[in-house]
């Protein structure tokens, strides 16, 4: 049985800059789940859909980019559901780092 983890991160970057940072940093975010192997990802509009393997399980999720907020939704299977709180905190912290700081010029 899987457990969804949802993290909303406010930002002041605007949609385009937030999306650029997500594109460059999605590997950092997914590493917080303990991912190994290939990360599959693709954009549909302003939502990044991803899937990855971690400890023999497939983790799927989305990262939705809005003008003032980024919303991560990760479906944690099996063993990961037990540590959902810890994963949520790590995703939130890494996401805030990724989206903090001045706008790139």
C-alpha atoms as a PDB file:
ATOM      1  CA  UNK A   1       0.000   0.000   0.000  1.00  0.00           C
ATOM      2  CA  UNK A   2       1.354   3.413  -0.906  1.00  0.00           C
ATOM      3  CA  UNK A   3       1.184   6.701   0.937  1.00  0.00           C
ATOM      4  CA  UNK A   4       1.077  10.070  -0.835  1.00  0.00           C
ATOM      5  CA  UNK A   5       3.297  12.831   0.492  1.00  0.00           C
ATOM      6  CA  UNK A   6       2.379  16.392  -0.469  1.00  0.00           C
ATOM      7  CA  UNK A   7       4.669  19.363   0.058  1.00  0.00           C
ATOM      8  CA  UNK A   8       3.802  22.947  -0.946  1.00  0.00           C
ATOM      9  CA  UNK A   9       6.649  25.438  -1.136  1.00  0.00           C
ATOM     10  CA  UNK A  10       5.893  29.137  -1.607  1.00  0.00           C
ATOM     11  CA  UNK A  11       8.324  31.189  -3.670  1.00  0.00           C
ATOM     12  CA  UNK A  12       8.719  34.653  -5.177  1.00  0.00           C
ATOM     13  CA  UNK A  13      10.560  33.639  -8.343  1.00  0.00           C
ATOM     14  CA  UNK A  14       7.723  33.586 -10.830  1.00  0.00           C
ATOM     15  CA  UNK A  15       6.690  30.496 -12.751  1.00  0.00           C
ATOM     16  CA  UNK A  16       9.478  30.517 -15.373  1.00  0.00           C
ATOM     17  CA  UNK A  17      12.377  30.850 -12.916  1.00  0.00           C
ATOM     18  CA  UNK A  18      10.886  28.304 -10.508  1.00  0.00           C
ATOM     19  CA  UNK A  19      10.478  25.842 -13.378  1.00  0.00           C
ATOM     20  CA  UNK A  20      14.066  26.418 -14.524  1.00  0.00           C
ATOM     21  CA  UNK A  21      15.345  25.689 -11.020  1.00  0.00           C
ATOM     22  CA  UNK A  22      13.200  22.553 -10.766  1.00  0.00           C
ATOM     23  CA  UNK A  23      14.550  21.326 -14.116  1.00  0.00           C
ATOM     24  CA  UNK A  24      18.117  21.820 -12.900  1.00  0.00           C
ATOM     25  CA  UNK A  25      17.545  20.470  -9.391  1.00  0.00           C
ATOM     26  CA  UNK A  26      15.085  17.586  -9.750  1.00  0.00           C
ATOM     27  CA  UNK A  27      17.928  15.126  -9.138  1.00  0.00           C
ATOM     28  CA  UNK A  28      18.675  16.795  -5.803  1.00  0.00           C
ATOM     29  CA  UNK A  29      15.029  16.565  -4.799  1.00  0.00           C
ATOM     30  CA  UNK A  30      14.624  12.918  -5.740  1.00  0.00           C
ATOM     31  CA  UNK A  31      17.862  11.976  -3.983  1.00  0.00           C
ATOM     32  CA  UNK A  32      16.049  12.822  -0.727  1.00  0.00           C
ATOM     33  CA  UNK A  33      13.958   9.678  -1.310  1.00  0.00           C
ATOM     34  CA  UNK A  34      17.029   7.453  -1.607  1.00  0.00           C
ATOM     35  CA  UNK A  35      16.733   6.986  -5.351  1.00  0.00           C
ATOM     36  CA  UNK A  36      19.087   4.757  -7.253  1.00  0.00           C
ATOM     37  CA  UNK A  37      19.092   4.035 -10.958  1.00  0.00           C
ATOM     38  CA  UNK A  38      17.338   5.933 -13.679  1.00  0.00           C
ATOM     39  CA  UNK A  39      15.038   8.850 -13.141  1.00  0.00           C
ATOM     40  CA  UNK A  40      12.346   9.110 -15.789  1.00  0.00           C
ATOM     41  CA  UNK A  41      10.763  12.507 -16.145  1.00  0.00           C
ATOM     42  CA  UNK A  42       8.647  14.546 -18.509  1.00  0.00           C
ATOM     43  CA  UNK A  43       6.799  17.838 -18.469  1.00  0.00           C
ATOM     44  CA  UNK A  44       3.103  18.240 -19.235  1.00  0.00           C
ATOM     45  CA  UNK A  45       2.488  21.960 -19.177  1.00  0.00           C
ATOM     46  CA  UNK A  46       3.902  23.239 -15.895  1.00  0.00           C
ATOM     47  CA  UNK A  47       3.804  19.846 -14.177  1.00  0.00           C
ATOM     48  CA  UNK A  48       6.798  17.534 -14.090  1.00  0.00           C
ATOM     49  CA  UNK A  49       5.860  13.839 -13.868  1.00  0.00           C
ATOM     50  CA  UNK A  50       8.599  11.528 -12.619  1.00  0.00           C
ATOM     51  CA  UNK A  51       9.279   7.944 -11.693  1.00  0.00           C
ATOM     52  CA  UNK A  52      12.348   6.362 -10.139  1.00  0.00           C
ATOM     53  CA  UNK A  53      13.559   3.182  -8.481  1.00  0.00           C
ATOM     54  CA  UNK A  54      14.588   3.218  -4.849  1.00  0.00           C
ATOM     55  CA  UNK A  55      15.388   0.137  -2.769  1.00  0.00           C
ATOM     56  CA  UNK A  56      13.665  -2.100  -5.301  1.00  0.00           C
ATOM     57  CA  UNK A  57      10.463  -0.053  -5.313  1.00  0.00           C
ATOM     58  CA  UNK A  58       9.078   2.417  -7.840  1.00  0.00           C
ATOM     59  CA  UNK A  59       8.370   5.913  -6.582  1.00  0.00           C
ATOM     60  CA  UNK A  60       6.187   8.161  -8.742  1.00  0.00           C
ATOM     61  CA  UNK A  61       5.189  11.766  -8.371  1.00  0.00           C
ATOM     62  CA  UNK A  62       4.573  15.183  -9.782  1.00  0.00           C
ATOM     63  CA  UNK A  63       6.008  18.633  -9.263  1.00  0.00           C
ATOM     64  CA  UNK A  64       3.538  21.359 -10.191  1.00  0.00           C
ATOM     65  CA  UNK A  65       4.963  24.829 -10.761  1.00  0.00           C
ATOM     66  CA  UNK A  66       2.712  27.842 -10.205  1.00  0.00           C
ATOM     67  CA  UNK A  67       3.488  31.556 -10.152  1.00  0.00           C
ATOM     68  CA  UNK A  68       3.987  31.676  -6.355  1.00  0.00           C
ATOM     69  CA  UNK A  69       4.114  28.043  -5.241  1.00  0.00           C
ATOM     70  CA  UNK A  70       5.605  24.674  -6.148  1.00  0.00           C
ATOM     71  CA  UNK A  71       3.627  21.578  -5.146  1.00  0.00           C
ATOM     72  CA  UNK A  72       5.365  18.216  -4.865  1.00  0.00           C
ATOM     73  CA  UNK A  73       3.237  15.103  -4.673  1.00  0.00           C
ATOM     74  CA  UNK A  74       5.117  11.841  -4.226  1.00  0.00           C
ATOM     75  CA  UNK A  75       3.523   8.396  -3.982  1.00  0.00           C
ATOM     76  CA  UNK A  76       5.624   6.358  -1.541  1.00  0.00           C
ATOM     77  CA  UNK A  77       5.213   2.585  -1.862  1.00  0.00           C
ATOM     78  CA  UNK A  78       5.659  -0.093   0.773  1.00  0.00           C
ATOM     79  CA  UNK A  79       8.620   0.469   3.055  1.00  0.00           C
ATOM     80  CA  UNK A  80       8.769   4.194   2.252  1.00  0.00           C
ATOM     81  CA  UNK A  81       5.256   4.758   3.622  1.00  0.00           C
ATOM     82  CA  UNK A  82       6.660   4.074   7.094  1.00  0.00           C
ATOM     83  CA  UNK A  83       9.089   7.000   6.810  1.00  0.00           C
ATOM     84  CA  UNK A  84       6.753   9.401   5.006  1.00  0.00           C
ATOM     85  CA  UNK A  85       7.147  12.118   7.656  1.00  0.00           C
ATOM     86  CA  UNK A  86      10.918  12.113   7.374  1.00  0.00           C
ATOM     87  CA  UNK A  87      10.805  12.102   3.567  1.00  0.00           C
ATOM     88  CA  UNK A  88       8.317  14.982   3.597  1.00  0.00           C
ATOM     89  CA  UNK A  89      10.608  17.081   5.808  1.00  0.00           C
ATOM     90  CA  UNK A  90      13.643  16.393   3.638  1.00  0.00           C
ATOM     91  CA  UNK A  91      11.736  17.220   0.438  1.00  0.00           C
ATOM     92  CA  UNK A  92      10.445  20.456   1.955  1.00  0.00           C
ATOM     93  CA  UNK A  93      13.931  21.500   3.129  1.00  0.00           C
ATOM     94  CA  UNK A  94      15.613  20.681  -0.186  1.00  0.00           C
ATOM     95  CA  UNK A  95      12.807  22.362  -2.135  1.00  0.00           C
ATOM     96  CA  UNK A  96      13.131  25.545  -0.097  1.00  0.00           C
ATOM     97  CA  UNK A  97      16.884  25.619  -0.748  1.00  0.00           C
ATOM     98  CA  UNK A  98      16.304  25.096  -4.442  1.00  0.00           C
ATOM     99  CA  UNK A  99      13.764  27.923  -4.648  1.00  0.00           C
ATOM    100  CA  UNK A 100      15.428  30.399  -2.302  1.00  0.00           C
ATOM    101  CA  UNK A 101      17.723  33.205  -3.247  1.00  0.00           C
ATOM    102  CA  UNK A 102      17.559  35.918  -5.836  1.00  0.00           C
ATOM    103  CA  UNK A 103      16.199  35.475  -9.309  1.00  0.00           C
ATOM    104  CA  UNK A 104      18.799  34.417 -11.901  1.00  0.00           C
ATOM    105  CA  UNK A 105      19.614  37.096 -14.456  1.00  0.00           C
END
